[in-house]
Protein backbone atom coordinates (compact mmCIF):
# COMPACT_ATOMS: atom_id res chain seq x y z
CA MET A 1 0.00 0.07 0.01
CA ARG A 2 2.71 2.45 0.93
CA PHE A 3 4.79 1.48 -2.36
CA ASN A 4 1.55 2.21 -4.26
CA LEU A 5 1.29 5.67 -2.68
CA ILE A 6 4.56 6.82 -3.48
CA GLY A 7 4.32 5.33 -6.89
CA LEU A 8 1.03 7.51 -7.45
CA LEU A 9 2.78 10.53 -6.04
CA LEU A 10 5.47 10.17 -8.71
CA LEU A 11 3.13 10.61 -11.43
CA VAL A 12 2.10 13.93 -10.06
CA SER A 13 3.91 16.86 -11.70
CA GLN A 14 5.16 19.16 -8.98
CA THR A 15 5.53 22.55 -10.59
CA ILE A 16 8.49 24.44 -9.26
CA SER A 17 8.21 28.33 -9.11
CA ALA A 18 10.59 30.35 -11.51
CA GLY A 19 12.63 31.49 -8.41
CA VAL A 20 14.05 28.46 -6.71
CA ASN A 21 15.09 29.41 -3.19
CA ILE A 22 18.37 27.34 -2.67
CA GLU A 23 19.60 27.61 0.80
CA HIS A 24 23.32 26.70 1.31
CA TRP A 25 25.63 26.00 4.35
CA GLN A 26 28.92 24.22 5.18
CA THR A 27 29.26 21.78 8.13
CA ALA A 28 32.31 21.68 10.45
CA GLN A 29 33.54 18.70 8.57
CA GLY A 30 33.80 20.59 5.35
CA ALA A 31 30.80 19.03 3.53
CA ARG A 32 28.56 21.43 1.77
CA ILE A 33 24.65 21.36 2.11
CA TYR A 34 22.03 22.52 -0.55
CA TYR A 35 18.49 22.69 0.45
CA VAL A 36 15.16 23.59 -1.15
CA GLN A 37 11.78 23.16 0.46
CA THR A 38 9.12 22.15 -1.93
CA PRO A 39 5.94 21.66 0.33
CA THR A 40 3.57 20.63 -2.37
CA LEU A 41 3.71 16.87 -1.94
CA PRO A 42 4.89 15.08 1.32
CA MET A 43 8.02 13.65 -0.13
CA ALA A 44 11.76 14.35 -0.02
CA ASP A 45 14.77 13.50 -2.29
CA ILE A 46 18.01 13.26 -0.44
CA ARG A 47 21.34 12.84 -2.37
CA VAL A 48 24.88 12.49 -0.99
CA THR A 49 27.52 13.05 -3.68
CA PHE A 50 31.25 12.42 -3.56
CA ASP A 51 34.20 13.40 -5.76
CA ALA A 52 34.52 9.69 -6.37
CA GLY A 53 33.80 9.03 -9.90
CA SER A 54 35.77 7.11 -12.49
CA ALA A 55 38.46 9.65 -12.84
CA ARG A 56 39.50 8.56 -9.31
CA ASP A 57 40.01 4.89 -10.56
CA GLY A 58 43.94 5.19 -10.90
CA SER A 59 44.97 2.23 -12.63
CA GLN A 60 42.09 0.15 -11.41
CA PHE A 61 39.69 1.04 -13.98
CA GLY A 62 36.08 0.33 -12.89
CA VAL A 63 36.66 0.47 -9.21
CA ALA A 64 34.62 3.49 -8.73
CA ALA A 65 31.74 2.08 -10.42
CA LEU A 66 31.78 -1.35 -8.87
CA THR A 67 32.07 0.44 -5.52
CA SER A 68 28.92 2.38 -6.30
CA SER A 69 27.09 -0.84 -7.43
CA LEU A 70 27.75 -2.53 -3.99
CA LEU A 71 26.14 0.24 -2.08
CA GLY A 72 22.64 -0.67 -1.08
CA SER A 73 23.62 -4.23 -0.77
CA SER A 74 24.54 -5.81 2.63
CA SER A 75 25.07 -3.03 5.26
CA GLY A 76 25.62 -3.03 8.92
CA ALA A 77 24.07 -5.99 10.29
CA TRP A 78 21.56 -6.32 7.39
CA SER A 79 21.79 -8.53 4.47
CA ALA A 80 21.07 -7.20 0.88
CA ASP A 81 17.47 -8.48 1.05
CA GLU A 82 16.96 -6.97 4.35
CA VAL A 83 18.30 -3.62 3.13
CA ALA A 84 15.87 -3.72 0.27
CA ASN A 85 12.95 -4.78 2.32
CA ARG A 86 13.63 -1.87 4.87
CA PHE A 87 13.20 0.71 2.03
CA GLU A 88 10.38 -1.17 0.30
CA SER A 89 8.42 -1.43 3.60
CA VAL A 90 8.16 2.37 3.82
CA GLY A 91 7.82 3.09 0.06
CA ALA A 92 11.27 4.47 -0.11
CA VAL A 93 13.36 4.33 -3.17
CA PHE A 94 17.15 4.03 -2.95
CA SER A 95 19.85 4.15 -5.84
CA SER A 96 23.41 4.91 -6.44
CA GLY A 97 25.28 5.84 -9.31
CA VAL A 98 28.78 7.16 -10.84
CA SER A 99 29.92 9.38 -13.69
CA GLU A 100 33.44 10.50 -14.46
CA ASP A 101 33.52 13.16 -11.65
CA MET A 102 31.20 12.02 -9.06
CA ALA A 103 29.59 9.23 -7.28
CA TRP A 104 26.23 9.48 -5.37
CA LEU A 105 23.56 7.76 -3.19
CA SER A 106 20.08 9.00 -3.42
CA MET A 107 16.85 8.12 -1.62
CA ARG A 108 13.17 9.37 -2.36
CA THR A 109 10.89 8.80 0.61
CA LEU A 110 7.66 10.06 2.04
CA THR A 111 7.90 12.55 4.88
CA ASP A 112 5.37 11.07 7.14
CA LYS A 113 7.43 10.83 10.43
CA ALA A 114 7.39 7.04 11.18
CA LEU A 115 7.95 6.33 7.34
CA PHE A 116 10.67 8.96 6.94
CA ASP A 117 12.60 8.00 10.21
CA LYS A 118 12.93 4.44 9.13
CA ALA A 119 13.99 5.41 5.51
CA LEU A 120 16.62 7.82 6.99
CA ALA A 121 17.93 5.18 9.35
CA SER A 122 18.35 2.72 6.64
CA PHE A 123 19.94 5.27 4.31
CA ARG A 124 22.37 6.22 7.01
CA VAL A 125 23.60 2.61 7.53
CA VAL A 126 23.86 2.06 3.75
CA LEU A 127 25.99 5.38 3.41
CA SER A 128 28.25 4.72 6.35
CA GLN A 129 28.51 0.80 6.91
CA PRO A 130 28.51 -1.08 3.42
CA ALA A 131 29.68 -4.54 4.33
CA PHE A 132 31.45 -5.30 0.86
CA ASN A 133 31.14 -8.88 1.83
CA GLU A 134 32.47 -11.48 -0.66
CA THR A 135 29.06 -12.94 -1.81
CA ASP A 136 27.75 -9.38 -2.63
CA PHE A 137 30.99 -8.56 -4.46
CA GLN A 138 31.09 -11.59 -6.60
CA ARG A 139 27.51 -11.17 -7.70
CA GLU A 140 28.04 -7.49 -8.60
CA LYS A 141 31.56 -8.36 -10.20
CA ASN A 142 30.12 -11.08 -12.51
CA LEU A 143 27.31 -8.85 -13.60
CA THR A 144 29.66 -6.20 -14.58
CA LEU A 145 31.87 -8.71 -16.34
CA ALA A 146 28.78 -9.83 -18.28
CA ALA A 147 27.89 -6.36 -19.19
CA LEU A 148 31.46 -5.68 -20.30
CA LYS A 149 31.30 -8.73 -22.49
CA HIS A 150 28.21 -7.66 -24.08
CA ARG A 151 29.78 -4.28 -24.63
CA GLU A 152 32.22 -5.83 -26.91
CA GLU A 153 29.23 -6.51 -29.36
CA SER A 154 28.05 -2.91 -29.45
CA PRO A 155 29.69 -0.81 -32.27
CA GLY A 156 28.52 2.43 -30.47
CA ALA A 157 30.08 1.50 -27.20
CA ILE A 158 33.33 0.49 -29.08
CA ALA A 159 33.28 3.73 -30.81
CA SER A 160 32.79 5.72 -27.56
CA ILE A 161 35.65 3.91 -25.78
CA ALA A 162 38.05 4.52 -28.73
CA PHE A 163 36.89 8.20 -29.09
CA HIS A 164 37.58 9.00 -25.45
CA LYS A 165 41.04 7.39 -25.67
CA ALA A 166 41.77 9.36 -28.61
CA LEU A 167 40.74 12.76 -26.83
CA TYR A 168 42.27 12.05 -23.55
CA HIS A 169 45.15 9.47 -24.02
CA ASP A 170 46.51 8.70 -20.37
CA HIS A 171 44.17 11.44 -18.59
CA PRO A 172 41.70 10.03 -16.05
CA TYR A 173 38.85 10.71 -18.36
CA ALA A 174 40.25 8.47 -20.99
CA HIS A 175 38.87 5.24 -19.88
CA PRO A 176 35.22 4.15 -19.58
CA GLU A 177 33.35 4.41 -16.21
CA GLU A 178 32.76 0.66 -16.04
CA GLY A 179 36.41 -0.32 -16.70
CA SER A 180 37.48 -3.09 -18.80
CA MET A 181 37.37 -7.01 -18.74
CA GLU A 182 40.98 -7.15 -17.57
CA THR A 183 40.90 -4.45 -14.88
CA VAL A 184 37.52 -5.38 -13.51
CA GLY A 185 38.66 -9.08 -13.49
CA GLU A 186 41.47 -8.29 -11.23
CA LEU A 187 39.38 -6.37 -8.72
CA GLN A 188 38.92 -7.79 -5.18
CA ALA A 189 36.43 -6.73 -2.45
CA GLY A 190 39.35 -5.26 -0.53
CA ASP A 191 40.04 -2.77 -3.34
CA LEU A 192 36.38 -1.51 -3.16
CA LYS A 193 36.48 -1.01 0.59
CA ALA A 194 39.78 0.82 0.39
CA PHE A 195 38.19 3.00 -2.38
CA PHE A 196 35.20 3.72 -0.18
CA GLN A 197 37.23 4.60 2.70
CA LYS A 198 39.44 7.14 0.90
CA TYR A 199 36.75 9.02 -1.01
CA TYR A 200 33.34 8.38 0.93
CA VAL A 201 34.22 10.82 3.68
CA ALA A 202 32.42 13.94 5.11
CA ALA A 203 35.09 16.52 3.83
CA ASN A 204 34.45 15.22 0.32
CA ALA A 205 30.49 15.11 0.42
CA VAL A 206 27.85 17.36 -0.89
CA VAL A 207 24.40 16.78 0.41
CA VAL A 208 21.30 17.90 -1.50
CA ILE A 209 17.85 17.90 0.28
CA VAL A 210 14.75 18.79 -1.89
CA GLY A 211 11.19 18.32 -0.46
CA ASP A 212 8.67 18.86 2.19
CA LEU A 213 11.16 19.29 5.07
CA SER A 214 11.80 22.47 7.07
CA ARG A 215 15.23 24.03 7.36
CA GLN A 216 15.68 22.65 10.83
CA GLN A 217 14.79 19.15 9.58
CA ALA A 218 17.08 19.54 6.70
CA GLU A 219 20.00 20.43 9.03
CA THR A 220 19.24 17.44 11.31
CA VAL A 221 19.07 15.10 8.30
CA ALA A 222 22.31 16.26 6.78
CA GLN A 223 24.20 16.05 10.12
CA SER A 224 22.78 12.66 10.75
CA LEU A 225 24.06 11.36 7.66
CA LEU A 226 27.42 12.90 7.95
CA ASP A 227 27.92 11.97 11.60
CA GLY A 228 28.32 8.40 10.33
CA LEU A 229 31.37 9.19 8.13
CA PRO A 230 34.99 9.91 9.00
CA VAL A 231 35.80 13.43 8.38
CA GLY A 232 38.67 12.57 5.77
CA GLU A 233 39.95 15.02 3.22
CA LYS A 234 39.19 16.05 -0.24
CA PRO A 235 41.33 14.54 -2.99
CA ALA A 236 43.85 16.40 -5.26
CA GLU A 237 42.34 18.12 -8.14
CA ILE A 238 41.89 16.12 -11.44
CA PRO A 239 44.80 17.02 -13.68
CA PRO A 240 44.43 19.53 -16.43
CA VAL A 241 43.43 18.02 -19.99
CA SER A 242 46.02 18.53 -22.69
CA MET A 243 44.55 19.61 -26.05
CA PRO A 244 45.31 17.78 -29.18
CA VAL A 245 48.28 19.05 -31.34
CA GLU A 246 47.37 17.16 -34.40
CA PRO A 247 44.35 15.57 -35.98
CA SER A 248 43.65 11.63 -35.80
CA THR A 249 41.60 9.34 -37.73
CA LEU A 250 40.88 5.71 -36.43
CA HIS A 251 38.68 3.15 -38.24
CA ILE A 252 37.71 -0.14 -36.43
CA ASN A 253 36.36 -2.86 -38.38
CA PHE A 254 33.05 -4.32 -37.23
CA PRO A 255 30.69 -6.63 -39.10
CA SER A 256 27.80 -4.13 -39.54
CA SER A 257 25.90 -2.54 -42.42
CA GLN A 258 26.12 0.80 -40.63
CA THR A 259 29.23 2.86 -39.48
CA HIS A 260 29.11 4.76 -36.17
CA VAL A 261 31.26 8.05 -36.38
CA LEU A 262 32.29 10.17 -33.39
CA SER A 263 34.34 13.32 -34.06
CA GLY A 264 35.51 16.07 -31.73
CA THR A 265 37.93 17.46 -29.32
CA PRO A 266 37.98 18.35 -25.60
CA GLY A 267 35.51 21.16 -25.20
CA THR A 268 34.11 22.88 -22.14
CA TYR A 269 34.03 22.70 -18.49
CA ARG A 270 31.49 23.66 -15.74
CA LYS A 271 33.13 27.02 -14.87
CA ASP A 272 34.03 27.88 -18.21
CA PRO A 273 33.45 31.69 -18.97
CA ASP A 274 32.45 30.61 -22.50
CA TYR A 275 29.96 27.96 -21.42
CA PHE A 276 26.79 29.77 -22.37
CA SER A 277 28.07 30.87 -25.93
CA LEU A 278 29.18 27.18 -26.45
CA TYR A 279 25.89 25.88 -25.30
CA VAL A 280 23.66 28.20 -27.35
CA GLY A 281 25.99 27.82 -30.53
CA ASN A 282 25.85 24.12 -30.03
CA TYR A 283 22.17 24.02 -30.00
CA ILE A 284 22.19 25.69 -33.45
CA LEU A 285 25.09 23.53 -34.79
CA GLY A 286 23.93 20.04 -33.49
CA GLY A 287 22.20 20.13 -30.25
CA GLY A 288 18.75 21.21 -31.46
CA SER A 289 17.97 17.85 -33.02
CA LEU A 290 15.62 18.46 -36.08
CA VAL A 291 16.39 22.15 -36.30
CA SER A 292 20.22 21.92 -36.21
CA ARG A 293 22.54 22.63 -39.07
CA LEU A 294 24.07 19.09 -38.97
CA PHE A 295 20.75 17.47 -39.24
CA ASP A 296 19.74 19.78 -42.00
CA GLU A 297 23.06 19.34 -44.06
CA ILE A 298 23.54 15.56 -43.45
CA ARG A 299 19.89 14.16 -43.16
CA GLU A 300 17.54 16.60 -44.72
CA LYS A 301 19.79 17.75 -47.80
CA ARG A 302 21.76 14.51 -48.54
CA GLY A 303 20.04 11.63 -46.85
CA LEU A 304 23.50 10.52 -45.51
CA ALA A 305 22.21 9.53 -42.02
CA TYR A 306 19.04 9.08 -40.15
CA SER A 307 20.10 11.70 -37.64
CA ALA A 308 23.28 13.74 -36.99
CA ALA A 309 24.00 15.69 -33.74
CA SER A 310 26.61 17.46 -31.64
CA GLN A 311 27.04 17.88 -27.81
CA PHE A 312 29.27 19.36 -25.19
CA VAL A 313 29.73 17.36 -22.09
CA PRO A 314 30.93 19.98 -19.46
CA LEU A 315 32.84 18.24 -16.50
CA TYR A 316 35.36 19.50 -13.91
CA ARG A 317 37.92 19.75 -16.53
CA GLN A 318 37.15 19.97 -20.39
CA GLY A 319 34.63 17.31 -21.14
CA PRO A 320 34.20 16.10 -24.85
CA PHE A 321 32.89 18.12 -27.72
CA VAL A 322 31.47 15.36 -30.04
CA MET A 323 29.68 15.18 -33.13
CA SER A 324 28.07 11.86 -34.00
CA LEU A 325 26.11 10.10 -36.84
CA GLN A 326 25.50 6.59 -38.18
CA THR A 327 25.52 6.09 -41.87
CA ARG A 328 25.86 3.25 -44.40
CA ASN A 329 29.40 1.83 -44.79
CA ASP A 330 29.88 3.11 -48.37
CA GLN A 331 28.67 6.60 -47.44
CA THR A 332 31.00 7.18 -44.23
CA ALA A 333 33.70 9.21 -46.17
CA ASN A 334 31.11 11.45 -47.57
CA ALA A 335 29.03 11.93 -44.27
CA VAL A 336 32.23 12.73 -42.52
CA GLU A 337 33.28 15.26 -45.07
CA VAL A 338 29.81 17.05 -44.81
CA MET A 339 30.04 16.98 -41.07
CA ASP A 340 33.41 18.50 -40.99
CA ASN A 341 32.56 21.09 -43.60
CA THR A 342 29.31 22.12 -41.68
CA LEU A 343 31.42 22.60 -38.58
CA ARG A 344 34.02 24.74 -40.33
CA ASP A 345 31.33 26.87 -41.87
CA PHE A 346 29.83 27.34 -38.45
CA ILE A 347 33.15 28.31 -36.86
CA TYR A 348 34.09 30.78 -39.32
CA GLN A 349 30.80 32.30 -40.18
CA GLY A 350 28.91 31.97 -37.00
CA PRO A 351 24.96 31.60 -36.72
CA THR A 352 22.54 33.82 -38.45
CA GLU A 353 20.21 36.14 -36.33
CA ALA A 354 17.27 34.02 -37.26
CA GLU A 355 19.08 30.80 -35.90
CA LEU A 356 20.19 32.51 -32.76
CA ASN A 357 16.61 33.93 -31.95
CA ALA A 358 15.16 30.50 -32.68
CA ALA A 359 17.60 28.83 -30.38
CA ARG A 360 17.29 31.28 -27.52
CA GLN A 361 13.54 31.00 -27.57
CA ASN A 362 13.54 27.02 -27.74
CA ILE A 363 16.08 27.02 -24.91
CA THR A 364 14.60 29.31 -22.53
CA GLY A 365 10.98 28.35 -23.36
CA GLY A 366 11.57 24.69 -22.21
CA PHE A 367 13.90 25.58 -19.38
CA ALA A 368 10.91 25.40 -16.80
CA MET A 369 10.18 21.86 -17.60
CA ARG A 370 13.82 20.85 -16.71
CA ILE A 371 12.98 21.70 -13.02
CA ASP A 372 9.51 21.03 -12.59
CA THR A 373 9.64 18.03 -10.32
CA ASN A 374 11.77 17.32 -7.34
CA SER A 375 13.78 14.63 -9.10
CA LYS A 376 14.71 17.09 -11.86
CA LEU A 377 15.62 19.91 -9.47
CA THR A 378 17.67 17.48 -7.20
CA ASP A 379 19.81 16.61 -10.47
CA TYR A 380 20.43 20.46 -11.20
CA ILE A 381 21.22 21.34 -7.61
CA THR A 382 23.50 18.43 -7.37
CA MET A 383 25.29 19.99 -10.44
CA ILE A 384 25.31 23.23 -8.79
CA GLY A 385 26.77 22.02 -5.47
CA PHE A 386 29.33 19.61 -6.88
CA TYR A 387 30.76 21.96 -9.35
CA GLN A 388 30.16 25.06 -6.89
CA GLN A 389 28.22 27.04 -9.50
CA PRO A 390 26.61 30.46 -8.44
CA ILE A 391 23.78 29.82 -6.05
CA ASP A 392 21.40 31.74 -8.43
CA TYR A 393 22.36 29.62 -11.36
CA LEU A 394 18.67 28.48 -12.23
CA ASP A 395 17.18 31.93 -11.74
CA VAL A 396 19.85 33.68 -14.17
CA PHE A 397 20.10 30.71 -16.66
CA PRO A 398 17.45 32.29 -19.03
CA SER A 399 19.11 35.59 -18.95
CA LYS A 400 22.39 34.19 -19.57
CA VAL A 401 21.05 32.36 -22.71
CA GLU A 402 19.37 35.73 -23.79
CA ALA A 403 22.32 37.49 -23.43
CA VAL A 404 24.35 35.49 -26.03
CA THR A 405 25.01 37.15 -29.33
CA ALA A 406 26.00 35.79 -32.61
CA ALA A 407 29.38 37.49 -32.07
CA ASP A 408 29.83 35.73 -28.82
CA ILE A 409 29.14 32.37 -30.36
CA LYS A 410 31.61 32.80 -33.33
CA ASP A 411 34.17 34.30 -31.02
CA ALA A 412 33.92 31.27 -28.74
CA PHE A 413 33.86 28.65 -31.10
CA GLN A 414 36.95 29.98 -33.02
CA ARG A 415 38.82 30.23 -29.87
CA ARG A 416 37.84 26.90 -28.37
CA ILE A 417 37.03 24.36 -31.30
CA ASN A 418 39.68 23.93 -33.93
CA PRO A 419 38.38 22.01 -36.89
CA GLU A 420 41.85 21.03 -38.04
CA LEU A 421 42.53 19.12 -34.85
CA LEU A 422 39.54 16.91 -34.70
CA GLN A 423 39.85 13.39 -33.50
CA THR A 424 37.62 11.07 -35.49
CA VAL A 425 36.84 7.50 -34.89
CA THR A 426 34.56 5.22 -37.13
CA VAL A 427 33.36 1.80 -36.47
CA GLY A 428 31.77 -0.31 -38.90
CA GLY A 429 32.14 -2.58 -42.01
CA LYS A 430 34.40 -1.73 -44.84
CA PRO A 431 32.83 0.18 -47.68
CA ASN A 432 31.63 -2.07 -50.52
């Protein structure tokens, strides 16, 4: 009954007002807390995030992801089944995840006191007392190895791995989050425990609380979660990214009728002063799906691919700028040429005023939908907190987009994206 209730509430769209009141404070241990009260529904989303993503793997590629996957298994005195039953019995939903920069644990729960107290107690034990026992470890390791084996059959995954290696070489962003068959195969439960003890500490934590809780309740919740962790210390900064000095092209043969194409260079980062110019410009170039230049030139005018797109992935350091498409093997060279020429034209000529006005309108017009639920708001505030963005980021986002000019876009792309230094990876069959 309780599970059905929270499921029903998840279907309700909770509208967030245009002005999001984010409260922020720092604990004595060094953790940063971000809190938004949304009293419309009797629910709360709580997320604890650590600088413990795959960029912290060192030589043990996949250890961050496998550590994250074990969280929510046996914890404290409870077995994995008992942990799952404790959350389910009060209608709470637990999850964990990892990206290049961060790892997180999340809980969504009802705020009725009896239900909330049990959910929070369970979350606290999962956060602070994971067992990393051998049975759970072997189960998750085998699941990961099976997924990695399956990944070898995906041309898209193969292309992504090779593309990141081409962009980043030996940088911590170069390897896939899940690791490889070889590196994961060598991991032991003790490796995960050591990784957890080093990075899952209060000084390295960001806590986000969004929901029907008062400020006092939020303070109590955050302190309760952090009190279970050692203080520890923040890790050293991820090293800078080296930009490419020459172009590269790599083709990987794969028995398929379609070729996957990825081409790009290290792009933008979260605190980049050029971020909004690059973001709006990319919407016009390839981020706007059916209304983008890449789609128009490659799909509409020439029929070389079903779709074509581009994307900036901002991280702590320069994340990828990537253009992507899939095309028939015999059309690959032509499609890549059109893609590259479209990028060059955009960089040297910039957008038209009509393109810019349409992009600004589409981006700002749809922005409210990105934060119209607790879940979406939690995602955004996690980004704001982890990357230490301005506290008014959500309030000023539309005005930042509106302020971008065609000259700003042209200038930013010319300084940041060199079309003569693209790293290009193709995966597919040989042309007929």
